[in-house]
């Protein structure tokens, strides 16, 4: 059993399982609060007049938006401080990783001639990562490193490991971006539809 664990540590296998984000009720509620008084206007001219960049910015620019969450399982390697070429221990861990966008960086433009509203979403970034300290599991190569302070040292190593490893997981950023597109469309589309069929929404 111990040999199996050591072999797994040597291979450094890491994996993720994805969590589908819950419906963003709060953001949709904010949009509804703004929309109700605006959509209450009667004529087509009045409905068309509400489609302005400033109005759409008020709907979108609420806060930072986390659009994707993943549970990441990784293995951090801790080296001997006195002998940097030697391994003290491996520590496996589980972490929750959130990715999203800064809503205040969303760029909205409108072409009056083509009746096209374009929303450009900023680059996705990791908004938060949290290592579950209860999931730490050690494989020691240097028994002297198994001290009372090893948990604190290992936790810091796991935090550094998940921050570094998730930077290269394109799937996180791709899925977070697509979810951001879906959320923006859900927020803005009702206003575009109220303006009339000649208006088009592009989210990219």
N, C-alpha and C. Protein backbone atom coordinates (compact mmCIF):
# COMPACT_ATOMS: atom_id res chain seq x y z
N UNK A 1 0.84 -1.22 0.00
CA UNK A 1 0.00 0.00 0.00
C UNK A 1 0.86 1.25 0.00
N UNK A 2 1.94 1.20 0.86
CA UNK A 2 2.82 2.35 0.97
C UNK A 2 3.56 2.58 -0.34
N UNK A 3 3.94 1.44 -1.02
CA UNK A 3 4.63 1.58 -2.29
C UNK A 3 3.74 2.20 -3.35
N UNK A 4 2.46 1.85 -3.30
CA UNK A 4 1.51 2.44 -4.25
C UNK A 4 1.41 3.93 -4.05
N UNK A 5 1.34 4.37 -2.80
CA UNK A 5 1.26 5.80 -2.49
C UNK A 5 2.52 6.53 -2.94
N UNK A 6 3.66 5.88 -2.74
CA UNK A 6 4.91 6.52 -3.14
C UNK A 6 5.00 6.65 -4.65
N UNK A 7 4.53 5.62 -5.34
CA UNK A 7 4.57 5.67 -6.80
C UNK A 7 3.66 6.78 -7.30
N UNK A 8 2.49 6.93 -6.68
CA UNK A 8 1.57 8.00 -7.06
C UNK A 8 2.21 9.36 -6.84
N UNK A 9 2.95 9.49 -5.73
CA UNK A 9 3.62 10.75 -5.43
C UNK A 9 4.70 11.04 -6.45
N UNK A 10 5.47 10.01 -6.83
CA UNK A 10 6.53 10.22 -7.81
C UNK A 10 5.96 10.69 -9.15
N UNK A 11 4.86 10.10 -9.53
CA UNK A 11 4.24 10.48 -10.80
C UNK A 11 3.64 11.87 -10.76
N UNK A 12 3.31 12.33 -9.56
CA UNK A 12 2.79 13.69 -9.42
C UNK A 12 1.45 13.89 -10.10
N UNK A 13 0.59 12.88 -10.06
CA UNK A 13 -0.70 12.99 -10.72
C UNK A 13 -1.57 14.04 -10.05
N UNK A 14 -2.21 14.86 -10.88
CA UNK A 14 -3.09 15.91 -10.38
C UNK A 14 -4.33 15.93 -11.26
N UNK A 15 -5.46 16.17 -10.64
CA UNK A 15 -6.69 16.18 -11.43
C UNK A 15 -7.68 17.15 -10.84
N UNK A 16 -8.69 17.44 -11.66
CA UNK A 16 -9.74 18.35 -11.25
C UNK A 16 -11.10 17.74 -11.53
N UNK A 17 -12.06 18.12 -10.72
CA UNK A 17 -13.44 17.85 -11.09
C UNK A 17 -14.17 19.18 -11.07
N UNK A 18 -15.02 19.35 -12.05
CA UNK A 18 -15.66 20.64 -12.25
C UNK A 18 -16.95 20.74 -11.46
N UNK A 19 -17.27 21.92 -10.98
CA UNK A 19 -18.52 22.20 -10.31
C UNK A 19 -19.28 23.19 -11.16
N UNK A 20 -20.48 22.81 -11.58
CA UNK A 20 -21.29 23.73 -12.38
C UNK A 20 -21.77 24.85 -11.48
N UNK A 21 -21.50 26.12 -11.83
CA UNK A 21 -21.89 27.22 -10.96
C UNK A 21 -23.39 27.33 -10.84
N UNK A 22 -23.84 27.72 -9.65
CA UNK A 22 -25.27 27.91 -9.43
C UNK A 22 -25.77 29.11 -10.20
N UNK A 23 -27.07 29.17 -10.43
CA UNK A 23 -27.67 30.31 -11.11
C UNK A 23 -27.40 31.56 -10.29
N UNK A 24 -26.95 32.60 -10.97
CA UNK A 24 -26.56 33.82 -10.28
C UNK A 24 -27.79 34.68 -10.00
N UNK A 25 -28.53 34.24 -8.99
CA UNK A 25 -29.80 34.88 -8.66
C UNK A 25 -29.61 36.34 -8.29
N UNK A 26 -28.56 36.64 -7.56
CA UNK A 26 -28.34 38.01 -7.12
C UNK A 26 -28.18 38.95 -8.29
N UNK A 27 -27.34 38.57 -9.27
CA UNK A 27 -27.12 39.43 -10.42
C UNK A 27 -28.39 39.60 -11.24
N UNK A 28 -29.13 38.53 -11.41
CA UNK A 28 -30.37 38.62 -12.16
C UNK A 28 -31.39 39.48 -11.43
N UNK A 29 -31.37 39.41 -10.09
CA UNK A 29 -32.29 40.24 -9.31
C UNK A 29 -31.94 41.71 -9.47
N UNK A 30 -30.64 42.01 -9.49
CA UNK A 30 -30.21 43.39 -9.69
C UNK A 30 -30.70 43.91 -11.03
N UNK A 31 -30.55 43.07 -12.07
CA UNK A 31 -31.01 43.47 -13.39
C UNK A 31 -32.51 43.70 -13.40
N UNK A 32 -33.25 42.85 -12.68
CA UNK A 32 -34.70 43.00 -12.64
C UNK A 32 -35.11 44.30 -11.97
N UNK A 33 -34.41 44.66 -10.91
CA UNK A 33 -34.73 45.90 -10.19
C UNK A 33 -34.54 47.11 -11.10
N UNK A 34 -33.48 47.06 -11.92
CA UNK A 34 -33.23 48.17 -12.85
C UNK A 34 -34.21 48.13 -14.00
N UNK A 35 -34.56 46.92 -14.43
CA UNK A 35 -35.37 46.77 -15.63
C UNK A 35 -36.82 47.19 -15.44
N UNK A 36 -37.41 46.86 -14.30
CA UNK A 36 -38.84 47.08 -14.11
C UNK A 36 -39.28 48.51 -14.38
N UNK A 37 -38.63 49.52 -13.76
CA UNK A 37 -39.08 50.88 -14.04
C UNK A 37 -38.80 51.33 -15.46
N UNK A 38 -37.73 50.79 -16.06
CA UNK A 38 -37.39 51.20 -17.41
C UNK A 38 -38.34 50.60 -18.44
N UNK A 39 -38.72 49.35 -18.23
CA UNK A 39 -39.58 48.67 -19.19
C UNK A 39 -41.04 49.04 -19.01
N UNK A 40 -41.35 49.79 -17.99
CA UNK A 40 -42.73 50.19 -17.76
C UNK A 40 -43.18 51.27 -18.72
N UNK A 41 -42.24 51.90 -19.43
CA UNK A 41 -42.60 52.95 -20.38
C UNK A 41 -43.38 52.36 -21.54
N UNK A 42 -44.31 53.11 -22.08
CA UNK A 42 -45.28 52.54 -23.00
C UNK A 42 -44.89 52.50 -24.45
N UNK A 43 -44.41 53.55 -25.03
CA UNK A 43 -44.24 53.61 -26.47
C UNK A 43 -42.95 52.95 -26.91
N UNK A 44 -42.91 52.62 -28.23
CA UNK A 44 -41.70 52.01 -28.80
C UNK A 44 -40.54 52.97 -28.71
N UNK A 45 -40.81 54.26 -28.92
CA UNK A 45 -39.74 55.25 -28.86
C UNK A 45 -39.13 55.28 -27.46
N UNK A 46 -39.98 55.19 -26.44
CA UNK A 46 -39.47 55.22 -25.08
C UNK A 46 -38.66 53.96 -24.78
N UNK A 47 -39.13 52.81 -25.27
CA UNK A 47 -38.40 51.58 -25.03
C UNK A 47 -37.03 51.62 -25.71
N UNK A 48 -36.99 52.14 -26.92
CA UNK A 48 -35.73 52.24 -27.64
C UNK A 48 -34.76 53.17 -26.94
N UNK A 49 -35.25 54.21 -26.32
CA UNK A 49 -34.39 55.21 -25.70
C UNK A 49 -33.63 54.68 -24.51
N UNK A 50 -34.08 53.56 -23.91
CA UNK A 50 -33.38 53.05 -22.73
C UNK A 50 -32.13 52.26 -23.11
N UNK A 51 -31.99 51.91 -24.39
CA UNK A 51 -30.82 51.14 -24.80
C UNK A 51 -29.66 52.11 -25.01
N UNK A 52 -28.97 52.41 -23.93
CA UNK A 52 -27.79 53.26 -23.97
C UNK A 52 -26.65 52.55 -23.27
N UNK A 53 -25.44 52.95 -23.59
CA UNK A 53 -24.27 52.33 -22.97
C UNK A 53 -24.29 52.51 -21.46
N UNK A 54 -24.66 53.71 -21.00
CA UNK A 54 -24.67 53.97 -19.56
C UNK A 54 -25.66 53.08 -18.83
N UNK A 55 -26.82 52.85 -19.45
CA UNK A 55 -27.82 51.98 -18.82
C UNK A 55 -27.30 50.56 -18.71
N UNK A 56 -26.70 50.05 -19.77
CA UNK A 56 -26.18 48.69 -19.75
C UNK A 56 -25.02 48.54 -18.76
N UNK A 57 -24.21 49.58 -18.65
CA UNK A 57 -23.10 49.54 -17.69
C UNK A 57 -23.61 49.45 -16.26
N UNK A 58 -24.73 50.11 -15.98
CA UNK A 58 -25.32 50.05 -14.63
C UNK A 58 -25.79 48.63 -14.32
N UNK A 59 -26.24 47.93 -15.33
CA UNK A 59 -26.72 46.57 -15.13
C UNK A 59 -25.56 45.62 -14.84
N UNK A 60 -24.47 45.80 -15.58
CA UNK A 60 -23.37 44.84 -15.51
C UNK A 60 -22.38 45.14 -14.39
N UNK A 61 -22.03 46.40 -14.22
CA UNK A 61 -20.94 46.75 -13.31
C UNK A 61 -21.39 46.70 -11.85
N UNK A 62 -21.52 45.49 -11.32
CA UNK A 62 -21.95 45.32 -9.94
C UNK A 62 -20.80 44.95 -9.02
N UNK A 63 -19.95 44.00 -9.44
CA UNK A 63 -18.84 43.56 -8.60
C UNK A 63 -18.01 42.57 -9.40
N UNK A 64 -17.05 41.95 -8.71
CA UNK A 64 -16.29 40.88 -9.34
C UNK A 64 -17.21 39.68 -9.49
N UNK A 65 -17.09 38.98 -10.58
CA UNK A 65 -17.97 37.86 -10.87
C UNK A 65 -17.16 36.58 -11.01
N UNK A 66 -17.39 35.62 -10.09
CA UNK A 66 -16.79 34.29 -10.23
C UNK A 66 -17.75 33.44 -11.03
N UNK A 67 -17.30 32.95 -12.18
CA UNK A 67 -18.18 32.23 -13.08
C UNK A 67 -17.87 30.75 -13.18
N UNK A 68 -16.86 30.29 -12.46
CA UNK A 68 -16.54 28.87 -12.53
C UNK A 68 -15.80 28.44 -11.27
N UNK A 69 -16.15 27.25 -10.78
CA UNK A 69 -15.50 26.69 -9.60
C UNK A 69 -15.06 25.27 -9.89
N UNK A 70 -13.85 24.93 -9.47
CA UNK A 70 -13.34 23.57 -9.65
C UNK A 70 -12.75 23.09 -8.34
N UNK A 71 -12.88 21.78 -8.08
CA UNK A 71 -12.19 21.16 -6.96
C UNK A 71 -10.93 20.51 -7.52
N UNK A 72 -9.79 20.99 -7.04
CA UNK A 72 -8.49 20.58 -7.58
C UNK A 72 -7.79 19.66 -6.58
N UNK A 73 -7.34 18.51 -7.05
CA UNK A 73 -6.57 17.58 -6.23
C UNK A 73 -5.14 17.56 -6.73
N UNK A 74 -4.22 17.94 -5.86
CA UNK A 74 -2.83 18.05 -6.28
C UNK A 74 -1.86 17.44 -5.28
N UNK A 75 -0.61 17.39 -5.66
CA UNK A 75 0.47 16.89 -4.80
C UNK A 75 1.61 17.89 -4.84
N UNK A 76 1.94 18.42 -3.68
CA UNK A 76 3.05 19.37 -3.57
C UNK A 76 4.31 18.63 -3.11
N UNK A 77 5.43 19.05 -3.64
CA UNK A 77 6.73 18.46 -3.28
C UNK A 77 7.52 19.46 -2.45
N UNK A 78 7.98 19.04 -1.30
CA UNK A 78 8.74 19.92 -0.41
C UNK A 78 10.17 19.41 -0.31
N UNK A 79 11.11 20.28 -0.64
CA UNK A 79 12.52 19.90 -0.65
C UNK A 79 13.20 20.20 0.68
N UNK A 80 14.31 19.52 0.90
CA UNK A 80 15.12 19.75 2.11
C UNK A 80 15.82 21.10 2.00
N UNK A 81 15.64 21.96 2.99
CA UNK A 81 16.25 23.29 2.93
C UNK A 81 17.77 23.22 2.92
N UNK A 82 18.33 22.28 3.65
CA UNK A 82 19.79 22.17 3.73
C UNK A 82 20.36 21.43 2.52
N UNK A 83 19.54 20.54 1.95
CA UNK A 83 19.96 19.79 0.78
C UNK A 83 18.88 19.93 -0.29
N UNK A 84 18.90 21.05 -1.01
CA UNK A 84 17.82 21.38 -1.96
C UNK A 84 17.58 20.33 -3.04
N UNK A 85 18.52 19.45 -3.26
CA UNK A 85 18.35 18.42 -4.29
C UNK A 85 17.60 17.20 -3.75
N UNK A 86 17.38 17.15 -2.45
CA UNK A 86 16.71 16.00 -1.83
C UNK A 86 15.29 16.36 -1.40
N UNK A 87 14.41 15.38 -1.47
CA UNK A 87 13.00 15.59 -1.11
C UNK A 87 12.77 15.27 0.36
N UNK A 88 12.10 16.20 1.05
CA UNK A 88 11.70 15.95 2.44
C UNK A 88 10.43 15.11 2.47
N UNK A 89 9.43 15.57 1.70
CA UNK A 89 8.16 14.83 1.69
C UNK A 89 7.26 15.33 0.55
N UNK A 90 6.29 14.51 0.24
CA UNK A 90 5.19 14.90 -0.64
C UNK A 90 3.96 15.11 0.23
N UNK A 91 3.10 16.02 -0.19
CA UNK A 91 1.83 16.21 0.52
C UNK A 91 0.72 16.37 -0.51
N UNK A 92 -0.27 15.50 -0.43
CA UNK A 92 -1.43 15.62 -1.32
C UNK A 92 -2.47 16.50 -0.64
N UNK A 93 -3.31 17.14 -1.44
CA UNK A 93 -4.29 18.08 -0.89
C UNK A 93 -5.46 18.25 -1.83
N UNK A 94 -6.52 18.85 -1.32
CA UNK A 94 -7.68 19.21 -2.14
C UNK A 94 -7.92 20.70 -1.96
N UNK A 95 -8.19 21.38 -3.06
CA UNK A 95 -8.41 22.83 -3.02
C UNK A 95 -9.60 23.21 -3.89
N UNK A 96 -10.26 24.28 -3.50
CA UNK A 96 -11.34 24.84 -4.31
C UNK A 96 -10.80 26.06 -5.04
N UNK A 97 -11.01 26.09 -6.36
CA UNK A 97 -10.47 27.16 -7.20
C UNK A 97 -11.61 27.87 -7.91
N UNK A 98 -11.67 29.19 -7.77
CA UNK A 98 -12.68 30.01 -8.44
C UNK A 98 -12.02 30.85 -9.52
N UNK A 99 -12.69 30.98 -10.66
CA UNK A 99 -12.22 31.83 -11.75
C UNK A 99 -13.35 32.73 -12.20
N UNK A 100 -13.01 33.92 -12.67
CA UNK A 100 -14.05 34.84 -13.12
C UNK A 100 -13.47 36.09 -13.75
N UNK A 101 -14.28 37.14 -13.76
CA UNK A 101 -13.87 38.39 -14.42
C UNK A 101 -14.18 39.58 -13.51
N UNK A 102 -13.55 40.71 -13.82
CA UNK A 102 -13.87 41.98 -13.16
C UNK A 102 -14.95 42.66 -13.99
N UNK A 103 -16.13 42.77 -13.42
CA UNK A 103 -17.25 43.34 -14.18
C UNK A 103 -17.02 44.80 -14.53
N UNK A 104 -16.24 45.53 -13.72
CA UNK A 104 -16.00 46.93 -14.05
C UNK A 104 -15.05 47.11 -15.22
N UNK A 105 -14.49 45.98 -15.71
CA UNK A 105 -13.62 46.03 -16.87
C UNK A 105 -14.35 45.63 -18.16
N UNK A 106 -15.63 45.31 -18.04
CA UNK A 106 -16.42 44.96 -19.22
C UNK A 106 -16.59 46.22 -20.08
N UNK A 107 -16.36 46.08 -21.38
CA UNK A 107 -16.46 47.21 -22.29
C UNK A 107 -17.70 47.08 -23.18
N UNK A 108 -18.52 48.12 -23.19
CA UNK A 108 -19.75 48.10 -23.97
C UNK A 108 -19.72 49.22 -25.00
N UNK A 109 -20.01 48.87 -26.24
CA UNK A 109 -20.11 49.87 -27.31
C UNK A 109 -21.41 49.62 -28.09
N UNK A 110 -21.90 50.68 -28.75
CA UNK A 110 -23.12 50.56 -29.53
C UNK A 110 -22.96 51.27 -30.86
N UNK A 111 -23.31 50.56 -31.92
CA UNK A 111 -23.29 51.12 -33.26
C UNK A 111 -24.72 51.48 -33.64
N UNK A 112 -25.00 52.78 -33.70
CA UNK A 112 -26.36 53.24 -33.97
C UNK A 112 -26.80 52.90 -35.39
N UNK A 113 -25.86 52.86 -36.31
CA UNK A 113 -26.22 52.59 -37.70
C UNK A 113 -26.66 51.13 -37.89
N UNK A 114 -25.88 50.21 -37.31
CA UNK A 114 -26.22 48.78 -37.48
C UNK A 114 -27.08 48.25 -36.35
N UNK A 115 -27.35 49.12 -35.33
CA UNK A 115 -28.16 48.71 -34.17
C UNK A 115 -27.53 47.50 -33.47
N UNK A 116 -26.22 47.56 -33.33
CA UNK A 116 -25.49 46.45 -32.71
C UNK A 116 -24.89 46.89 -31.38
N UNK A 117 -25.19 46.15 -30.34
CA UNK A 117 -24.58 46.38 -29.02
C UNK A 117 -23.52 45.30 -28.82
N UNK A 118 -22.27 45.72 -28.60
CA UNK A 118 -21.16 44.78 -28.43
C UNK A 118 -20.64 44.86 -27.00
N UNK A 119 -20.57 43.72 -26.36
CA UNK A 119 -20.04 43.63 -25.00
C UNK A 119 -18.77 42.79 -25.03
N UNK A 120 -17.64 43.41 -24.68
CA UNK A 120 -16.36 42.71 -24.65
C UNK A 120 -16.01 42.36 -23.20
N UNK A 121 -15.82 41.06 -22.98
CA UNK A 121 -15.54 40.56 -21.63
C UNK A 121 -14.03 40.58 -21.39
N UNK A 122 -13.59 41.06 -20.22
CA UNK A 122 -12.14 41.10 -19.93
C UNK A 122 -11.57 39.70 -19.72
N UNK A 123 -10.28 39.63 -19.63
CA UNK A 123 -9.60 38.35 -19.46
C UNK A 123 -10.00 37.68 -18.15
N UNK A 124 -10.24 36.40 -18.22
CA UNK A 124 -10.58 35.62 -17.02
C UNK A 124 -9.33 35.44 -16.16
N UNK A 125 -9.51 35.48 -14.85
CA UNK A 125 -8.39 35.24 -13.94
C UNK A 125 -8.88 34.42 -12.74
N UNK A 126 -7.95 33.84 -12.02
CA UNK A 126 -8.28 33.10 -10.81
C UNK A 126 -8.67 34.13 -9.74
N UNK A 127 -9.90 34.04 -9.25
CA UNK A 127 -10.36 35.01 -8.26
C UNK A 127 -10.09 34.56 -6.83
N UNK A 128 -9.98 33.24 -6.64
CA UNK A 128 -9.74 32.74 -5.28
C UNK A 128 -9.34 31.27 -5.36
N UNK A 129 -8.52 30.84 -4.41
CA UNK A 129 -8.20 29.42 -4.26
C UNK A 129 -8.01 29.13 -2.77
N UNK A 130 -8.62 28.05 -2.31
CA UNK A 130 -8.58 27.71 -0.89
C UNK A 130 -8.22 26.25 -0.71
N UNK A 131 -7.12 26.00 -0.02
CA UNK A 131 -6.70 24.64 0.28
C UNK A 131 -7.42 24.16 1.53
N UNK A 132 -8.00 22.96 1.46
CA UNK A 132 -8.66 22.36 2.62
C UNK A 132 -7.60 21.67 3.47
N UNK A 133 -7.29 22.27 4.60
CA UNK A 133 -6.20 21.76 5.44
C UNK A 133 -6.49 20.36 5.97
N UNK A 134 -7.77 20.01 6.06
CA UNK A 134 -8.14 18.69 6.58
C UNK A 134 -7.82 17.58 5.60
N UNK A 135 -7.54 17.93 4.35
CA UNK A 135 -7.27 16.90 3.33
C UNK A 135 -5.79 16.60 3.15
N UNK A 136 -4.92 17.27 3.89
CA UNK A 136 -3.48 17.05 3.72
C UNK A 136 -3.09 15.62 4.09
N UNK A 137 -2.31 14.99 3.23
CA UNK A 137 -1.87 13.61 3.44
C UNK A 137 -0.40 13.53 3.05
N UNK A 138 0.43 13.05 3.98
CA UNK A 138 1.89 13.14 3.82
C UNK A 138 2.51 11.80 3.43
N UNK A 139 3.58 11.88 2.64
CA UNK A 139 4.49 10.77 2.39
C UNK A 139 5.90 11.29 2.67
N UNK A 140 6.48 10.87 3.78
CA UNK A 140 7.77 11.40 4.21
C UNK A 140 8.92 10.57 3.64
N UNK A 141 9.92 11.27 3.10
CA UNK A 141 11.16 10.66 2.67
C UNK A 141 12.27 10.97 3.68
N UNK A 142 12.08 12.02 4.42
CA UNK A 142 13.01 12.40 5.47
C UNK A 142 12.22 12.45 6.78
N UNK A 143 12.41 11.46 7.63
CA UNK A 143 11.63 11.36 8.87
C UNK A 143 11.84 12.57 9.79
N UNK A 144 12.99 13.23 9.66
CA UNK A 144 13.27 14.39 10.51
C UNK A 144 12.36 15.58 10.20
N UNK A 145 11.78 15.58 9.02
CA UNK A 145 10.90 16.68 8.64
C UNK A 145 9.50 16.54 9.24
N UNK A 146 9.20 15.38 9.83
CA UNK A 146 7.90 15.14 10.45
C UNK A 146 7.88 15.73 11.86
N UNK A 147 7.73 17.05 11.90
CA UNK A 147 7.75 17.77 13.18
C UNK A 147 6.39 18.40 13.45
N UNK A 148 6.28 19.08 14.58
CA UNK A 148 5.02 19.71 14.96
C UNK A 148 4.63 20.86 14.03
N UNK A 149 5.60 21.43 13.33
CA UNK A 149 5.33 22.57 12.46
C UNK A 149 5.15 22.18 10.99
N UNK A 150 5.16 20.88 10.70
CA UNK A 150 5.13 20.45 9.31
C UNK A 150 3.81 20.80 8.62
N UNK A 151 2.71 20.79 9.37
CA UNK A 151 1.42 21.10 8.76
C UNK A 151 1.39 22.53 8.22
N UNK A 152 1.91 23.47 9.00
CA UNK A 152 1.94 24.86 8.57
C UNK A 152 2.81 25.03 7.32
N UNK A 153 3.96 24.39 7.33
CA UNK A 153 4.87 24.45 6.18
C UNK A 153 4.22 23.80 4.95
N UNK A 154 3.59 22.66 5.15
CA UNK A 154 2.96 21.94 4.05
C UNK A 154 1.79 22.72 3.47
N UNK A 155 1.03 23.36 4.33
CA UNK A 155 -0.12 24.15 3.87
C UNK A 155 0.34 25.27 2.94
N UNK A 156 1.41 25.94 3.32
CA UNK A 156 1.96 27.02 2.49
C UNK A 156 2.45 26.45 1.15
N UNK A 157 3.05 25.27 1.18
CA UNK A 157 3.52 24.64 -0.06
C UNK A 157 2.35 24.28 -0.97
N UNK A 158 1.26 23.83 -0.38
CA UNK A 158 0.07 23.48 -1.17
C UNK A 158 -0.56 24.72 -1.79
N UNK A 159 -0.60 25.81 -1.02
CA UNK A 159 -1.14 27.06 -1.57
C UNK A 159 -0.33 27.53 -2.78
N UNK A 160 0.99 27.45 -2.63
CA UNK A 160 1.86 27.86 -3.74
C UNK A 160 1.69 26.93 -4.94
N UNK A 161 1.52 25.65 -4.65
CA UNK A 161 1.39 24.67 -5.73
C UNK A 161 0.10 24.87 -6.52
N UNK A 162 -1.03 25.06 -5.83
CA UNK A 162 -2.30 25.22 -6.54
C UNK A 162 -2.32 26.53 -7.33
N UNK A 163 -1.71 27.57 -6.79
CA UNK A 163 -1.64 28.85 -7.52
C UNK A 163 -0.84 28.70 -8.80
N UNK A 164 0.25 27.96 -8.74
CA UNK A 164 1.11 27.78 -9.90
C UNK A 164 0.47 26.83 -10.92
N UNK A 165 -0.09 25.74 -10.45
CA UNK A 165 -0.63 24.72 -11.34
C UNK A 165 -1.86 25.19 -12.10
N UNK A 166 -2.74 25.92 -11.44
CA UNK A 166 -3.99 26.33 -12.09
C UNK A 166 -3.77 27.40 -13.17
N UNK A 167 -2.62 28.03 -13.18
CA UNK A 167 -2.33 29.02 -14.21
C UNK A 167 -2.27 28.38 -15.60
N UNK A 168 -1.98 27.10 -15.64
CA UNK A 168 -1.79 26.44 -16.93
C UNK A 168 -2.99 25.58 -17.35
N UNK A 169 -4.05 25.61 -16.58
CA UNK A 169 -5.24 24.81 -16.91
C UNK A 169 -6.18 25.64 -17.78
N UNK A 170 -6.02 25.48 -19.09
CA UNK A 170 -6.85 26.26 -20.03
C UNK A 170 -8.33 25.98 -19.85
N UNK A 171 -8.67 24.76 -19.45
CA UNK A 171 -10.09 24.40 -19.31
C UNK A 171 -10.79 25.30 -18.30
N UNK A 172 -10.11 25.67 -17.23
CA UNK A 172 -10.70 26.55 -16.22
C UNK A 172 -11.07 27.88 -16.85
N UNK A 173 -10.13 28.46 -17.58
CA UNK A 173 -10.34 29.79 -18.16
C UNK A 173 -11.37 29.75 -19.29
N UNK A 174 -11.34 28.68 -20.08
CA UNK A 174 -12.30 28.56 -21.18
C UNK A 174 -13.73 28.44 -20.65
N UNK A 175 -13.92 27.60 -19.65
CA UNK A 175 -15.26 27.40 -19.10
C UNK A 175 -15.74 28.63 -18.34
N UNK A 176 -14.82 29.29 -17.62
CA UNK A 176 -15.19 30.51 -16.90
C UNK A 176 -15.59 31.60 -17.88
N UNK A 177 -14.87 31.69 -19.00
CA UNK A 177 -15.21 32.70 -20.01
C UNK A 177 -16.58 32.43 -20.62
N UNK A 178 -16.85 31.16 -20.95
CA UNK A 178 -18.14 30.83 -21.54
C UNK A 178 -19.28 31.10 -20.57
N UNK A 179 -19.06 30.80 -19.31
CA UNK A 179 -20.09 31.09 -18.30
C UNK A 179 -20.30 32.59 -18.15
N UNK A 180 -19.21 33.35 -18.26
CA UNK A 180 -19.33 34.81 -18.18
C UNK A 180 -20.16 35.33 -19.35
N UNK A 181 -19.92 34.78 -20.55
CA UNK A 181 -20.71 35.16 -21.72
C UNK A 181 -22.19 34.89 -21.48
N UNK A 182 -22.49 33.72 -20.93
CA UNK A 182 -23.88 33.34 -20.68
C UNK A 182 -24.54 34.26 -19.67
N UNK A 183 -23.79 34.63 -18.63
CA UNK A 183 -24.35 35.51 -17.61
C UNK A 183 -24.62 36.91 -18.17
N UNK A 184 -23.65 37.43 -18.93
CA UNK A 184 -23.83 38.77 -19.53
C UNK A 184 -25.03 38.77 -20.47
N UNK A 185 -25.16 37.71 -21.27
CA UNK A 185 -26.31 37.63 -22.17
C UNK A 185 -27.62 37.60 -21.39
N UNK A 186 -27.64 36.86 -20.29
CA UNK A 186 -28.85 36.78 -19.48
C UNK A 186 -29.22 38.13 -18.88
N UNK A 187 -28.21 38.94 -18.56
CA UNK A 187 -28.46 40.25 -17.97
C UNK A 187 -28.90 41.29 -19.01
N UNK A 188 -28.29 41.24 -20.18
CA UNK A 188 -28.48 42.31 -21.16
C UNK A 188 -29.57 42.01 -22.19
N UNK A 189 -29.73 40.74 -22.55
CA UNK A 189 -30.68 40.39 -23.62
C UNK A 189 -32.09 40.95 -23.44
N UNK A 190 -32.67 40.92 -22.22
CA UNK A 190 -34.03 41.45 -22.08
C UNK A 190 -34.16 42.91 -22.52
N UNK A 191 -33.13 43.70 -22.29
CA UNK A 191 -33.17 45.11 -22.67
C UNK A 191 -33.06 45.27 -24.19
N UNK A 192 -32.22 44.43 -24.79
CA UNK A 192 -32.06 44.49 -26.24
C UNK A 192 -33.37 44.06 -26.92
N UNK A 193 -34.00 43.02 -26.41
CA UNK A 193 -35.24 42.54 -27.00
C UNK A 193 -36.36 43.57 -26.89
N UNK A 194 -36.38 44.32 -25.79
CA UNK A 194 -37.41 45.34 -25.61
C UNK A 194 -37.25 46.49 -26.60
N UNK A 195 -36.03 46.68 -27.06
CA UNK A 195 -35.78 47.79 -28.00
C UNK A 195 -36.31 47.48 -29.38
N UNK A 196 -36.51 46.20 -29.68
CA UNK A 196 -37.03 45.85 -30.99
C UNK A 196 -36.15 44.85 -31.71
N UNK A 197 -36.69 44.16 -32.71
CA UNK A 197 -35.95 43.09 -33.41
C UNK A 197 -34.78 43.59 -34.24
N UNK A 198 -34.72 44.90 -34.49
CA UNK A 198 -33.62 45.43 -35.30
C UNK A 198 -32.31 45.50 -34.52
N UNK A 199 -32.39 45.35 -33.17
CA UNK A 199 -31.18 45.42 -32.35
C UNK A 199 -30.55 44.04 -32.22
N UNK A 200 -29.21 44.01 -32.22
CA UNK A 200 -28.46 42.76 -32.10
C UNK A 200 -27.45 42.86 -30.96
N UNK A 201 -27.34 41.81 -30.17
CA UNK A 201 -26.36 41.77 -29.07
C UNK A 201 -25.24 40.82 -29.44
N UNK A 202 -23.99 41.31 -29.28
CA UNK A 202 -22.80 40.50 -29.50
C UNK A 202 -21.99 40.52 -28.22
N UNK A 203 -21.72 39.33 -27.66
CA UNK A 203 -20.89 39.21 -26.45
C UNK A 203 -19.67 38.40 -26.80
N UNK A 204 -18.51 38.97 -26.55
CA UNK A 204 -17.26 38.28 -26.94
C UNK A 204 -16.18 38.48 -25.89
